Amino acid sequence: MDPVIAGKEPIEVEVEEGKTYFWCTCGRSARQPFCDGAHKGSDMAPKSFKAETSGTVWLCACKRTREQPFCDGSHEAL
């Protein structure tokens, strides 16, 4: 199953150092860019990541990034 394109621009998120986040890989979550369990019943699962520092990050919404969960500009080719 290919992920749904949830958006064609990255999503700006404030993260806290040491906190673990679960990025949606399927594109179906209503809580983009984070997982809400919408992948259940598929072979997809969220990607967990721990914030190394507090601050702003840009998370991928197109679900095509090679730098999961961070935007790498892949949306520009859609």
C-alpha atoms as a PDB file:
ATOM      1  CA  MET A   1       0.000   0.000   0.000  1.00  0.00           C
ATOM      2  CA  ASP A   2       1.389   3.413  -0.936  1.00  0.00           C
ATOM      3  CA  PRO A   3       0.977   6.229   1.555  1.00  0.00           C
ATOM      4  CA  VAL A   4      -1.622   8.921   0.901  1.00  0.00           C
ATOM      5  CA  ILE A   5      -0.210  12.372   0.208  1.00  0.00           C
ATOM      6  CA  ALA A   6      -1.452  14.280   3.252  1.00  0.00           C
ATOM      7  CA  GLY A   7      -0.062  17.591   1.997  1.00  0.00           C
ATOM      8  CA  LYS A   8       2.347  19.099  -0.488  1.00  0.00           C
ATOM      9  CA  GLU A   9       4.170  21.309   2.013  1.00  0.00           C
ATOM     10  CA  PRO A  10       6.064  20.328   5.176  1.00  0.00           C
ATOM     11  CA  ILE A  11       4.391  20.877   8.542  1.00  0.00           C
ATOM     12  CA  GLU A  12       6.113  23.119  11.096  1.00  0.00           C
ATOM     13  CA  VAL A  13       6.176  21.518  14.546  1.00  0.00           C
ATOM     14  CA  GLU A  14       7.645  22.554  17.899  1.00  0.00           C
ATOM     15  CA  VAL A  15       9.343  19.592  19.609  1.00  0.00           C
ATOM     16  CA  GLU A  16      10.750  19.128  23.109  1.00  0.00           C
ATOM     17  CA  GLU A  17      14.214  17.681  23.705  1.00  0.00           C
ATOM     18  CA  GLY A  18      14.079  14.037  24.779  1.00  0.00           C
ATOM     19  CA  LYS A  19      10.386  13.573  23.942  1.00  0.00           C
ATOM     20  CA  THR A  20       9.368  10.745  21.584  1.00  0.00           C
ATOM     21  CA  TYR A  21       6.996  11.478  18.704  1.00  0.00           C
ATOM     22  CA  PHE A  22       5.180   9.164  16.295  1.00  0.00           C
ATOM     23  CA  TRP A  23       5.117  10.461  12.717  1.00  0.00           C
ATOM     24  CA  CYS A  24       2.336   9.206  10.435  1.00  0.00           C
ATOM     25  CA  THR A  25       3.719   7.155   7.529  1.00  0.00           C
ATOM     26  CA  CYS A  26       0.392   6.217   5.899  1.00  0.00           C
ATOM     27  CA  GLY A  27      -0.911   9.749   5.295  1.00  0.00           C
ATOM     28  CA  ARG A  28      -4.367   8.862   6.615  1.00  0.00           C
ATOM     29  CA  SER A  29      -4.074  10.351  10.111  1.00  0.00           C
ATOM     30  CA  ALA A  30      -6.432  13.219  10.934  1.00  0.00           C
ATOM     31  CA  ARG A  31      -3.702  14.536  13.293  1.00  0.00           C
ATOM     32  CA  GLN A  32      -1.026  15.193  10.636  1.00  0.00           C
ATOM     33  CA  PRO A  33       1.887  14.932  10.838  1.00  0.00           C
ATOM     34  CA  PHE A  34       1.401  12.611  13.799  1.00  0.00           C
ATOM     35  CA  CYS A  35      -0.136   9.137  13.952  1.00  0.00           C
ATOM     36  CA  ASP A  36      -3.712   8.645  15.169  1.00  0.00           C
ATOM     37  CA  GLY A  37      -3.904   4.906  14.410  1.00  0.00           C
ATOM     38  CA  ALA A  38      -5.525   5.308  10.976  1.00  0.00           C
ATOM     39  CA  HIS A  39      -2.970   2.825   9.558  1.00  0.00           C
ATOM     40  CA  LYS A  40      -4.536  -0.083  11.466  1.00  0.00           C
ATOM     41  CA  GLY A  41      -5.380  -2.955   9.147  1.00  0.00           C
ATOM     42  CA  SER A  42      -2.554  -2.040   6.762  1.00  0.00           C
ATOM     43  CA  ASP A  43       1.082  -3.097   6.654  1.00  0.00           C
ATOM     44  CA  MET A  44       2.174   0.425   7.645  1.00  0.00           C
ATOM     45  CA  ALA A  45       3.257   1.644  11.081  1.00  0.00           C
ATOM     46  CA  PRO A  46       4.223   5.046  12.495  1.00  0.00           C
ATOM     47  CA  LYS A  47       7.862   6.137  12.565  1.00  0.00           C
ATOM     48  CA  SER A  48       9.005   7.035  16.067  1.00  0.00           C
ATOM     49  CA  PHE A  49      11.676   9.626  16.674  1.00  0.00           C
ATOM     50  CA  LYS A  50      13.128  11.315  19.740  1.00  0.00           C
ATOM     51  CA  ALA A  51      13.764  15.052  19.564  1.00  0.00           C
ATOM     52  CA  GLU A  52      17.484  15.704  20.021  1.00  0.00           C
ATOM     53  CA  THR A  53      16.890  19.348  20.930  1.00  0.00           C
ATOM     54  CA  SER A  54      13.883  21.564  21.616  1.00  0.00           C
ATOM     55  CA  GLY A  55      12.797  23.798  18.760  1.00  0.00           C
ATOM     56  CA  THR A  56      11.144  23.927  15.364  1.00  0.00           C
ATOM     57  CA  VAL A  57      11.318  21.039  12.897  1.00  0.00           C
ATOM     58  CA  TRP A  58       9.682  20.595   9.494  1.00  0.00           C
ATOM     59  CA  LEU A  59       7.988  17.216   9.148  1.00  0.00           C
ATOM     60  CA  CYS A  60       7.099  15.664   5.812  1.00  0.00           C
ATOM     61  CA  ALA A  61       3.415  15.704   4.810  1.00  0.00           C
ATOM     62  CA  CYS A  62       3.770  14.170   1.335  1.00  0.00           C
ATOM     63  CA  LYS A  63       5.140  10.934   2.872  1.00  0.00           C
ATOM     64  CA  ARG A  64       7.767  10.641   0.098  1.00  0.00           C
ATOM     65  CA  THR A  65      10.799  11.929   2.045  1.00  0.00           C
ATOM     66  CA  ARG A  66      13.951   9.841   2.187  1.00  0.00           C
ATOM     67  CA  GLU A  67      14.797  11.524   5.529  1.00  0.00           C
ATOM     68  CA  GLN A  68      11.807  10.265   7.563  1.00  0.00           C
ATOM     69  CA  PRO A  69      10.208  12.025   9.348  1.00  0.00           C
ATOM     70  CA  PHE A  70      11.860  15.248   8.193  1.00  0.00           C
ATOM     71  CA  CYS A  71      11.087  17.051   4.946  1.00  0.00           C
ATOM     72  CA  ASP A  72      13.763  16.642   2.274  1.00  0.00           C
ATOM     73  CA  GLY A  73      11.950  18.584  -0.477  1.00  0.00           C
ATOM     74  CA  SER A  74      10.453  15.500  -2.150  1.00  0.00           C
ATOM     75  CA  HIS A  75       7.080  17.308  -2.334  1.00  0.00           C
ATOM     76  CA  GLU A  76       8.555  19.585  -5.018  1.00  0.00           C
ATOM     77  CA  ALA A  77       8.477  16.665  -7.501  1.00  0.00           C
ATOM     78  CA  LEU A  78       4.766  15.892  -6.985  1.00  0.00           C
END
